[in-house]
Protein backbone atom coordinates (compact mmCIF):
# COMPACT_ATOMS: atom_id res chain seq x y z
CA UNK A 1 -25.09 7.53 -39.61
CA UNK A 2 -24.87 4.62 -42.05
CA UNK A 3 -24.18 2.15 -39.29
CA UNK A 4 -25.34 -1.32 -40.27
CA UNK A 5 -24.39 -4.21 -42.46
CA UNK A 6 -26.67 -6.79 -44.15
CA UNK A 7 -28.33 -9.43 -42.01
CA UNK A 8 -26.68 -12.18 -44.05
CA UNK A 9 -23.31 -10.89 -42.89
CA UNK A 10 -24.52 -10.69 -39.33
CA UNK A 11 -25.89 -14.22 -39.21
CA UNK A 12 -22.78 -15.62 -40.85
CA UNK A 13 -20.45 -13.90 -38.43
CA UNK A 14 -18.59 -16.15 -36.00
CA UNK A 15 -18.83 -13.76 -33.08
CA UNK A 16 -17.13 -15.49 -30.17
CA UNK A 17 -17.89 -15.06 -26.50
CA UNK A 18 -20.70 -15.79 -24.10
CA UNK A 19 -24.12 -14.28 -23.83
CA UNK A 20 -24.80 -11.40 -21.51
CA UNK A 21 -25.91 -12.42 -18.04
CA UNK A 22 -28.71 -10.32 -16.62
CA UNK A 23 -29.65 -9.64 -13.03
CA UNK A 24 -32.78 -8.04 -11.65
CA UNK A 25 -33.37 -5.87 -8.62
CA UNK A 26 -30.28 -3.81 -7.80
CA UNK A 27 -30.92 -0.94 -5.46
CA UNK A 28 -30.72 1.71 -8.19
CA UNK A 29 -33.11 0.12 -10.71
CA UNK A 30 -36.87 0.49 -10.88
CA UNK A 31 -38.93 -2.64 -10.16
CA UNK A 32 -39.20 -4.78 -13.26
CA UNK A 33 -36.10 -3.38 -14.97
CA UNK A 34 -33.57 -5.77 -16.44
CA UNK A 35 -30.20 -4.72 -15.04
CA UNK A 36 -27.08 -5.01 -17.17
CA UNK A 37 -23.70 -4.81 -15.40
CA UNK A 38 -20.23 -4.43 -16.83
CA UNK A 39 -19.21 -7.78 -15.35
CA UNK A 40 -21.91 -9.46 -17.39
CA UNK A 41 -21.52 -7.45 -20.59
CA UNK A 42 -19.90 -9.96 -22.95
CA UNK A 43 -19.59 -10.49 -26.68
CA UNK A 44 -22.55 -11.73 -28.67
CA UNK A 45 -22.37 -15.45 -29.39
CA UNK A 46 -23.02 -17.03 -32.77
CA UNK A 47 -25.68 -18.17 -33.30
CA UNK A 48 -27.14 -15.24 -31.43
CA UNK A 49 -28.66 -15.92 -28.03
CA UNK A 50 -31.94 -14.37 -27.00
CA UNK A 51 -30.39 -11.90 -24.57
CA UNK A 52 -28.85 -8.47 -24.78
CA UNK A 53 -25.21 -8.64 -25.86
CA UNK A 54 -22.50 -6.54 -27.52
CA UNK A 55 -20.61 -6.89 -30.78
CA UNK A 56 -17.91 -4.74 -32.40
CA UNK A 57 -17.76 -6.39 -35.83
CA UNK A 58 -17.50 -3.94 -38.67
CA UNK A 59 -17.55 -4.21 -42.45
CA UNK A 60 -16.94 -7.78 -43.60
CA UNK A 61 -17.41 -9.00 -40.03
CA UNK A 62 -13.97 -7.74 -39.08
CA UNK A 63 -13.30 -6.72 -35.48
CA UNK A 64 -12.98 -2.99 -34.90
CA UNK A 65 -11.81 -0.76 -32.08
CA UNK A 66 -15.33 0.09 -31.03
CA UNK A 67 -16.13 -0.61 -27.40
CA UNK A 68 -19.09 -0.80 -25.06
CA UNK A 69 -18.93 -0.96 -21.27
CA UNK A 70 -21.09 -0.11 -18.28
CA UNK A 71 -19.30 2.68 -16.43
CA UNK A 72 -19.84 4.38 -13.08
CA UNK A 73 -20.16 8.14 -13.37
CA UNK A 74 -21.48 11.09 -11.41
CA UNK A 75 -23.04 12.26 -14.69
CA UNK A 76 -25.35 9.23 -14.85
CA UNK A 77 -28.94 10.38 -15.06
CA UNK A 78 -30.41 7.12 -13.80
CA UNK A 79 -28.57 5.46 -10.92
CA UNK A 80 -24.79 5.75 -10.94
CA UNK A 81 -23.89 3.98 -14.21
CA UNK A 82 -24.66 3.93 -17.91
CA UNK A 83 -23.56 2.18 -21.11
CA UNK A 84 -20.64 4.01 -22.71
CA UNK A 85 -20.06 3.41 -26.43
CA UNK A 86 -16.88 4.56 -28.14
CA UNK A 87 -15.87 4.53 -31.83
CA UNK A 88 -12.40 6.10 -32.21
CA UNK A 89 -12.23 6.00 -36.02
CA UNK A 90 -14.66 6.23 -38.93
CA UNK A 91 -14.47 2.47 -39.52
CA UNK A 92 -15.18 1.45 -35.93
CA UNK A 93 -18.58 0.30 -34.72
CA UNK A 94 -20.28 -1.18 -31.70
CA UNK A 95 -23.76 -2.68 -31.45
CA UNK A 96 -25.56 -3.66 -28.22
CA UNK A 97 -28.56 -5.71 -29.27
CA UNK A 98 -31.05 -8.43 -28.52
CA UNK A 99 -31.86 -11.25 -30.94
CA UNK A 100 -35.39 -12.61 -31.40
CA UNK A 101 -36.64 -16.03 -32.49
CA UNK A 102 -40.30 -15.04 -32.85
CA UNK A 103 -40.86 -11.31 -33.22
CA UNK A 104 -42.57 -9.21 -35.89
CA UNK A 105 -42.77 -5.49 -36.44
CA UNK A 106 -46.46 -5.55 -35.54
CA UNK A 107 -45.81 -7.43 -32.31
CA UNK A 108 -42.92 -5.13 -31.42
CA UNK A 109 -45.23 -2.16 -32.00
CA UNK A 110 -47.92 -3.68 -29.77
CA UNK A 111 -45.55 -4.34 -26.87
CA UNK A 112 -45.37 -0.67 -25.97
CA UNK A 113 -42.97 2.24 -26.26
CA UNK A 114 -39.55 2.09 -27.83
CA UNK A 115 -37.33 4.60 -26.04
CA UNK A 116 -33.82 5.28 -24.77
CA UNK A 117 -31.61 8.04 -23.41
CA UNK A 118 -28.32 9.33 -24.82
CA UNK A 119 -25.47 11.44 -23.53
CA UNK A 120 -22.92 12.69 -26.07
CA UNK A 121 -19.70 13.01 -24.09
CA UNK A 122 -17.26 13.54 -26.98
CA UNK A 123 -19.07 14.77 -30.09
CA UNK A 124 -18.55 13.91 -33.72
CA UNK A 125 -20.68 16.23 -35.79
CA UNK A 126 -24.35 15.85 -34.83
CA UNK A 127 -24.17 12.08 -34.29
CA UNK A 128 -25.62 10.18 -31.33
CA UNK A 129 -26.21 6.45 -30.83
CA UNK A 130 -29.00 5.20 -33.06
CA UNK A 131 -31.64 2.54 -32.47
CA UNK A 132 -31.67 -0.24 -35.07
CA UNK A 133 -34.13 -2.95 -36.05
CA UNK A 134 -33.04 -5.59 -38.55
CA UNK A 135 -35.97 -6.90 -40.53
CA UNK A 136 -36.86 -9.45 -43.20
CA UNK A 137 -40.23 -9.01 -44.87
CA UNK A 138 -42.22 -10.49 -47.74
CA UNK A 139 -41.72 -7.26 -49.64
CA UNK A 140 -37.96 -6.98 -49.12
CA UNK A 141 -35.42 -9.75 -48.36
CA UNK A 142 -33.68 -7.66 -45.74
CA UNK A 143 -33.28 -4.14 -44.47
CA UNK A 144 -32.11 -2.39 -41.32
CA UNK A 145 -34.40 0.36 -40.20
CA UNK A 146 -32.62 2.99 -38.16
CA UNK A 147 -33.88 5.65 -35.79
CA UNK A 148 -31.26 8.37 -35.87
CA UNK A 149 -31.59 11.16 -33.29
CA UNK A 150 -30.12 13.80 -35.57
CA UNK A 151 -33.17 13.38 -37.83
CA UNK A 152 -35.59 13.57 -34.90
CA UNK A 153 -34.29 16.65 -33.07
CA UNK A 154 -31.26 18.66 -32.08
CA UNK A 155 -28.47 16.54 -30.57
CA UNK A 156 -26.64 18.33 -27.78
CA UNK A 157 -23.33 17.61 -26.04
CA UNK A 158 -22.99 16.99 -22.31
CA UNK A 159 -26.72 16.65 -21.69
CA UNK A 160 -28.90 13.57 -21.32
CA UNK A 161 -31.62 13.47 -23.96
CA UNK A 162 -34.65 11.20 -24.12
CA UNK A 163 -35.80 9.70 -27.41
CA UNK A 164 -39.03 7.82 -28.16
CA UNK A 165 -38.54 6.21 -31.57
CA UNK A 166 -41.97 4.55 -31.39
CA UNK A 167 -43.64 7.98 -31.68
CA UNK A 168 -40.96 10.26 -33.16
CA UNK A 169 -39.88 10.57 -36.76
CA UNK A 170 -36.30 10.02 -37.84
CA UNK A 171 -36.43 6.40 -39.16
CA UNK A 172 -34.62 5.52 -42.37
CA UNK A 173 -33.81 2.25 -44.10
CA UNK A 174 -30.42 0.91 -45.09
CA UNK A 175 -29.61 0.35 -48.77
CA UNK A 176 -31.81 3.28 -49.69
CA UNK A 177 -30.36 6.41 -51.23
CA UNK A 178 -31.56 9.76 -50.01
CA UNK A 179 -35.01 10.32 -51.43
CA UNK A 180 -36.03 13.82 -52.47
CA UNK A 181 -38.65 15.39 -50.28
CA UNK A 182 -42.15 14.40 -51.22
CA UNK A 183 -41.14 11.23 -53.02
CA UNK A 184 -41.76 7.69 -51.78
CA UNK A 185 -38.53 5.72 -51.32
CA UNK A 186 -37.99 2.14 -52.44
CA UNK A 187 -39.20 0.74 -49.11
CA UNK A 188 -42.43 2.70 -49.22
CA UNK A 189 -41.54 5.49 -46.82
CA UNK A 190 -43.22 8.75 -47.86
CA UNK A 191 -39.85 10.49 -47.46
CA UNK A 192 -36.25 9.49 -46.75
CA UNK A 193 -37.18 9.35 -43.07
CA UNK A 194 -40.49 8.40 -41.48
CA UNK A 195 -42.24 7.46 -38.27
CA UNK A 196 -42.27 3.98 -36.78
CA UNK A 197 -45.90 3.60 -37.80
CA UNK A 198 -44.84 4.34 -41.40
CA UNK A 199 -42.05 1.75 -41.08
CA UNK A 200 -44.58 -0.89 -40.02
CA UNK A 201 -46.97 0.09 -42.83
CA UNK A 202 -44.20 0.05 -45.41
CA UNK A 203 -42.57 -3.27 -44.47
CA UNK A 204 -45.67 -5.01 -43.14
CA UNK A 205 -46.75 -5.87 -39.61
CA UNK A 206 -45.73 -9.49 -40.28
CA UNK A 207 -42.13 -8.54 -41.13
CA UNK A 208 -39.73 -10.68 -39.11
CA UNK A 209 -37.52 -8.88 -36.58
CA UNK A 210 -34.06 -10.38 -36.06
CA UNK A 211 -32.36 -7.83 -33.82
CA UNK A 212 -33.19 -4.68 -31.88
CA UNK A 213 -30.52 -2.57 -30.25
CA UNK A 214 -28.45 0.59 -30.07
CA UNK A 215 -25.69 1.17 -32.60
CA UNK A 216 -22.79 3.55 -33.01
CA UNK A 217 -20.09 3.83 -35.63
CA UNK A 218 -19.09 3.45 -39.28
CA UNK A 219 -18.99 7.15 -39.98
CA UNK A 220 -18.49 9.68 -37.21
CA UNK A 221 -14.96 9.33 -35.85
CA UNK A 222 -14.16 9.85 -32.20
CA UNK A 223 -17.74 9.68 -30.92
CA UNK A 224 -18.05 8.77 -27.22
CA UNK A 225 -21.61 8.60 -25.99
CA UNK A 226 -23.72 7.12 -23.22
CA UNK A 227 -26.93 5.13 -23.42
CA UNK A 228 -29.37 4.23 -20.65
CA UNK A 229 -32.98 3.18 -20.02
CA UNK A 230 -33.20 1.26 -23.30
CA UNK A 231 -36.83 0.13 -23.71
CA UNK A 232 -38.35 -2.15 -26.34
CA UNK A 233 -40.38 -5.34 -26.48
CA UNK A 234 -42.03 -4.57 -23.14
CA UNK A 235 -38.68 -4.53 -21.29
CA UNK A 236 -36.44 -1.77 -19.99
CA UNK A 237 -32.70 -2.34 -19.80
CA UNK A 238 -31.04 -0.38 -16.99
CA UNK A 239 -27.24 -0.27 -17.41
CA UNK A 240 -26.18 -0.27 -13.79
CA UNK A 241 -23.15 -1.75 -12.04
CA UNK A 242 -23.47 -2.81 -8.40
CA UNK A 243 -22.81 0.30 -6.34
CA UNK A 244 -19.22 0.54 -5.10
CA UNK A 245 -19.07 1.68 -1.49
CA UNK A 246 -17.34 5.01 -0.91
CA UNK A 247 -18.76 6.16 2.43
CA UNK A 248 -19.72 4.55 5.73
CA UNK A 249 -21.49 6.88 8.13
CA UNK A 250 -22.89 6.53 11.66
CA UNK A 251 -26.54 7.42 11.07
CA UNK A 252 -28.25 6.40 14.32
CA UNK A 253 -27.33 5.57 17.91
CA UNK A 254 -24.28 7.73 18.52
CA UNK A 255 -23.82 10.12 21.49
CA UNK A 256 -25.98 8.09 23.89
CA UNK A 257 -25.67 8.01 27.67
CA UNK A 258 -26.97 4.97 29.57
CA UNK A 259 -26.70 3.54 33.06
CA UNK A 260 -24.43 0.59 33.80
CA UNK A 261 -25.63 -2.79 32.53
CA UNK A 262 -28.32 -1.23 30.35
CA UNK A 263 -28.92 -1.52 26.58
CA UNK A 264 -28.18 1.28 24.17
CA UNK A 265 -30.62 2.22 21.43
CA UNK A 266 -29.72 0.48 18.13
CA UNK A 267 -26.50 1.58 16.45
CA UNK A 268 -26.90 2.02 12.69
CA UNK A 269 -24.30 2.66 10.00
CA UNK A 270 -25.20 3.47 6.39
CA UNK A 271 -23.03 2.36 3.47
CA UNK A 272 -23.32 4.40 0.27
CA UNK A 273 -21.55 4.89 -3.04
CA UNK A 274 -21.54 7.32 -5.92
CA UNK A 275 -24.42 9.84 -5.81
CA UNK A 276 -25.22 8.66 -2.28
CA UNK A 277 -26.75 5.45 -3.60
CA UNK A 278 -27.12 2.63 -1.03
CA UNK A 279 -24.91 -0.46 -1.01
CA UNK A 280 -27.04 -3.46 -0.02
CA UNK A 281 -25.83 -6.89 1.15
CA UNK A 282 -22.40 -5.73 2.39
CA UNK A 283 -20.75 -6.84 5.64
CA UNK A 284 -20.34 -4.21 8.35
CA UNK A 285 -18.48 -5.09 11.55
CA UNK A 286 -19.20 -3.21 14.79
CA UNK A 287 -16.37 -3.39 17.34
CA UNK A 288 -16.12 -1.96 20.87
CA UNK A 289 -12.71 -0.34 20.69
CA UNK A 290 -12.74 1.23 24.15
CA UNK A 291 -14.90 1.38 27.23
CA UNK A 292 -17.23 -0.97 29.04
CA UNK A 293 -19.84 -2.44 26.65
CA UNK A 294 -20.42 -5.55 24.56
CA UNK A 295 -22.64 -7.15 21.94
CA UNK A 296 -24.22 -10.15 23.69
CA UNK A 297 -21.04 -10.54 25.71
CA UNK A 298 -18.74 -10.22 22.70
CA UNK A 299 -16.57 -7.26 21.65
CA UNK A 300 -17.72 -7.28 18.01
CA UNK A 301 -20.54 -8.31 15.70
CA UNK A 302 -20.89 -8.46 11.90
CA UNK A 303 -24.14 -7.80 10.06
CA UNK A 304 -25.17 -7.12 6.44
CA UNK A 305 -26.62 -3.90 5.07
CA UNK A 306 -30.27 -3.90 4.04
CA UNK A 307 -31.76 -2.63 0.76
CA UNK A 308 -31.21 0.96 1.93
CA UNK A 309 -27.55 0.27 2.74
CA UNK A 310 -28.23 0.37 6.50
CA UNK A 311 -26.45 -2.01 8.88
CA UNK A 312 -28.11 -2.32 12.30
CA UNK A 313 -25.87 -3.67 15.06
CA UNK A 314 -27.11 -6.24 17.58
CA UNK A 315 -28.04 -4.75 20.95
CA UNK A 316 -25.07 -3.06 22.61
CA UNK A 317 -25.21 -3.37 26.40
CA UNK A 318 -23.15 -1.26 28.78
CA UNK A 319 -20.82 -2.90 31.25
CA UNK A 320 -20.28 -2.10 34.89
CA UNK A 321 -17.58 0.56 34.47
CA UNK A 322 -18.70 4.18 33.98
CA UNK A 323 -16.94 6.21 31.33
CA UNK A 324 -16.76 6.78 27.57
CA UNK A 325 -17.39 3.95 25.13
CA UNK A 326 -16.18 3.95 21.53
CA UNK A 327 -17.59 1.65 18.87
CA UNK A 328 -16.07 1.50 15.40
CA UNK A 329 -18.03 0.25 12.39
CA UNK A 330 -15.99 -0.95 9.41
CA UNK A 331 -16.71 -2.26 5.93
CA UNK A 332 -13.60 -3.03 3.94
CA UNK A 333 -11.33 0.01 4.22
CA UNK A 334 -14.21 2.30 5.24
CA UNK A 335 -15.00 3.15 8.84
CA UNK A 336 -17.06 5.34 11.14
CA UNK A 337 -17.16 5.84 14.92
CA UNK A 338 -19.91 5.89 17.54
CA UNK A 339 -19.18 7.72 20.82
CA UNK A 340 -21.24 6.67 23.84
CA UNK A 341 -21.13 7.12 27.61
CA UNK A 342 -21.81 4.83 30.56
CA UNK A 343 -22.83 6.35 33.92
CA UNK A 344 -23.61 4.86 37.32
CA UNK A 345 -26.68 5.68 39.36
CA UNK A 346 -28.36 4.20 42.44
CA UNK A 347 -26.63 3.20 45.69
CA UNK A 348 -22.85 3.37 45.88
CA UNK A 349 -21.45 -0.09 45.30
CA UNK A 350 -18.33 -1.73 43.94
CA UNK A 351 -17.56 -5.32 43.01
CA UNK A 352 -14.05 -6.02 44.30
CA UNK A 353 -12.46 -9.21 42.99
CA UNK A 354 -9.54 -10.89 44.74
CA UNK A 355 -7.12 -13.10 42.78
CA UNK A 356 -3.98 -14.90 43.87
CA UNK A 357 -1.05 -16.18 41.83
CA UNK A 358 1.69 -18.49 43.15
CA UNK A 359 4.02 -20.92 41.35
CA UNK A 360 2.82 -24.49 41.22
CA UNK A 361 5.98 -25.77 42.94
CA UNK A 362 8.95 -24.42 44.86
CA UNK A 363 12.16 -26.14 45.87
CA UNK A 364 13.29 -26.24 49.49
CA UNK A 365 15.87 -23.57 50.28
CA UNK A 366 14.60 -21.19 47.55
CA UNK A 367 12.36 -18.16 47.44
CA UNK A 368 9.28 -17.46 45.31
CA UNK A 369 6.89 -14.57 44.72
CA UNK A 370 3.19 -14.70 45.43
CA UNK A 371 1.09 -11.96 43.78
CA UNK A 372 -2.14 -10.63 45.27
CA UNK A 373 -4.34 -8.69 42.82
CA UNK A 374 -7.41 -6.60 43.61
CA UNK A 375 -9.72 -5.57 40.75
CA UNK A 376 -12.67 -3.21 41.01
CA UNK A 377 -15.38 -4.23 38.53
CA UNK A 378 -17.36 -1.14 39.48
CA UNK A 379 -19.52 0.67 39.06
CA UNK A 380 -18.22 3.01 41.81
CA UNK A 381 -14.86 3.59 43.48
CA UNK A 382 -14.19 1.24 46.39
CA UNK A 383 -12.51 2.58 49.52
CA UNK A 384 -11.19 1.14 52.75
CA UNK A 385 -10.37 -2.25 51.23
CA UNK A 386 -8.68 -4.62 53.70
CA UNK A 387 -7.06 -7.84 52.49
CA UNK A 388 -5.43 -10.66 54.37
CA UNK A 389 -3.04 -13.07 52.65
CA UNK A 390 -2.22 -16.25 54.59
CA UNK A 391 0.14 -19.18 53.95
CA UNK A 392 -1.58 -21.98 55.87
CA UNK A 393 1.22 -24.39 56.63
CA UNK A 394 4.78 -24.82 57.86
CA UNK A 395 8.04 -24.30 56.04
CA UNK A 396 7.21 -20.87 54.54
CA UNK A 397 8.32 -17.45 55.81
CA UNK A 398 7.27 -14.06 54.44
CA UNK A 399 10.44 -12.10 53.67
CA UNK A 400 8.98 -8.90 52.20
CA UNK A 401 5.57 -7.41 51.40
CA UNK A 402 5.78 -3.76 50.24
CA UNK A 403 2.74 -1.80 51.40
CA UNK A 404 1.59 -4.56 53.73
CA UNK A 405 1.82 -5.47 57.38
CA UNK A 406 3.60 -8.79 57.53
CA UNK A 407 4.03 -11.53 60.05
CA UNK A 408 5.83 -14.86 59.64
CA UNK A 409 3.15 -16.50 57.51
CA UNK A 410 0.71 -13.71 56.58
CA UNK A 411 0.35 -10.18 55.23
CA UNK A 412 -2.44 -7.65 55.77
CA UNK A 413 -3.15 -4.70 53.43
CA UNK A 414 -5.34 -1.96 54.90
CA UNK A 415 -7.09 1.10 53.44
CA UNK A 416 -6.72 0.35 49.75
CA UNK A 417 -8.66 2.68 47.42
CA UNK A 418 -9.51 1.46 43.92
CA UNK A 419 -11.39 3.25 41.15
CA UNK A 420 -13.87 1.34 39.01
CA UNK A 421 -12.18 -0.57 36.23
CA UNK A 422 -8.75 -0.46 37.87
CA UNK A 423 -6.53 -3.15 39.39
CA UNK A 424 -3.65 -3.15 41.83
CA UNK A 425 -1.13 -5.93 42.53
CA UNK A 426 0.95 -6.64 45.62
CA UNK A 427 4.07 -8.86 45.32
CA UNK A 428 5.05 -10.93 48.35
CA UNK A 429 8.45 -12.63 48.60
CA UNK A 430 8.44 -15.94 50.49
CA UNK A 431 11.31 -18.13 51.74
CA UNK A 432 11.01 -21.96 51.60
CA UNK A 433 12.70 -23.81 54.45
CA UNK A 434 15.38 -26.31 53.44
CA UNK A 435 13.47 -29.17 55.02
CA UNK A 436 9.99 -28.16 53.82
CA UNK A 437 7.87 -30.68 51.91
CA UNK A 438 4.25 -31.19 50.94
CA UNK A 439 1.43 -28.95 49.74
CA UNK A 440 0.77 -25.63 51.46
CA UNK A 441 -2.67 -23.94 51.05
CA UNK A 442 -2.63 -20.20 50.32
CA UNK A 443 -5.67 -17.92 50.81
CA UNK A 444 -6.50 -14.23 50.37
CA UNK A 445 -9.73 -12.52 51.45
CA UNK A 446 -10.91 -8.93 51.06
CA UNK A 447 -13.58 -6.67 52.52
CA UNK A 448 -14.33 -2.98 51.90
CA UNK A 449 -16.20 -0.04 53.36
CA UNK A 450 -18.25 0.30 50.13
CA UNK A 451 -21.08 -2.18 49.55
CA UNK A 452 -19.93 -5.15 47.47
CA UNK A 453 -22.75 -6.76 45.45
CA UNK A 454 -20.82 -10.00 44.96
CA UNK A 455 -18.93 -11.29 47.96
CA UNK A 456 -18.28 -14.68 46.39
CA UNK A 457 -15.32 -13.38 44.40
CA UNK A 458 -13.70 -11.69 47.40
CA UNK A 459 -11.89 -14.87 48.47
CA UNK A 460 -9.14 -16.57 46.47
CA UNK A 461 -7.62 -19.95 47.29
CA UNK A 462 -4.71 -21.83 45.77
CA UNK A 463 -1.75 -23.97 46.93
CA UNK A 464 1.95 -24.53 46.32
CA UNK A 465 3.80 -27.83 46.36
CA UNK A 466 7.20 -27.89 48.06
CA UNK A 467 9.58 -30.47 46.63
């Protein structure tokens, strides 16, 4: 493909936009790779900055419909993304390149392999993205030397291919007509195309390098192709967007059974994206949605995923109520569920709690309702609970107490049975005498046949003011 324009036109171009921002160390890149994301892929600035950037200027420095973007795809060979280049018409072009302030052909050669990978998605003849080096030497004011895959091997469609321009043939120089086989061309190549070593010999190791990059366009119409693992100058560019989460899975700690008030083994949820790649640094919230358990006394906890996309919840501790426990982990719209179980062992016991609710005040000649509530905090069922409710003063008369044995100023409830985690309430209707005044203490106390490990919460005291 005749893809380039003279360096003078390139350096004179007023290519607007910022330089490409680079980040290192995403989960899908090898250590030491320079990662290029779509969010940071911007237009080359003028004058050129010393970073990888993209330009779509064509002949005469006119903008074209060529495009370059880092896309997520299941067809990516490395990671989950690659650089997609598109040139809809024969006049379109796109160039993703790096500018150099102090680089020569000899130095570029000494810095190690030049290589890249291509994927022709929508073919146009036998074309594939080329690798270009724009050079000024003592022998020649300017030339672009181009590695074109079609001259180095068979270009296929729908398959990733690896190219090593530093060792393969297939290099040609711009502004040079096709040279008959066996004849040296005007740049000193032994044929129309040559090896990179022949390029360096022909132009000189001291030839100044302005740009290195991948190029597509100005010829084959409709070519859509991918590029990845672009290596030159001792650096490898990995075109890789941050992984977008698509799945959150419970990967450790589900289906456990523990005794009451005991810790569960760690709960872990793994967040992954395309091609099962991990999503690091994302928030995952673990929430107890049912059952008796908590994270350090709280119903939920939020943690971040590690480099492998794993979120490990803080220690989940069972409560005092036997039964199933459900914990839901969420990250954005994604979710997964852990199913656990709490059981009770050891001696039969039940923590019965007595509470009492009365209005703060009541007017003489009126009635009010006092509510006695019994709650079993477990871990076992409590039986034979007896509770006495007493109004310790004058001017109050118990009118009704369903389920209880009442006298003028008290009620007794006998034989109550209460499963762990359940509550029962008893309403008591009380009449206030027309002449009653002052504050009347009210007390309720409970005892049961089953051992109660905490007797301090079996008594409830309050008062009501008559006025």
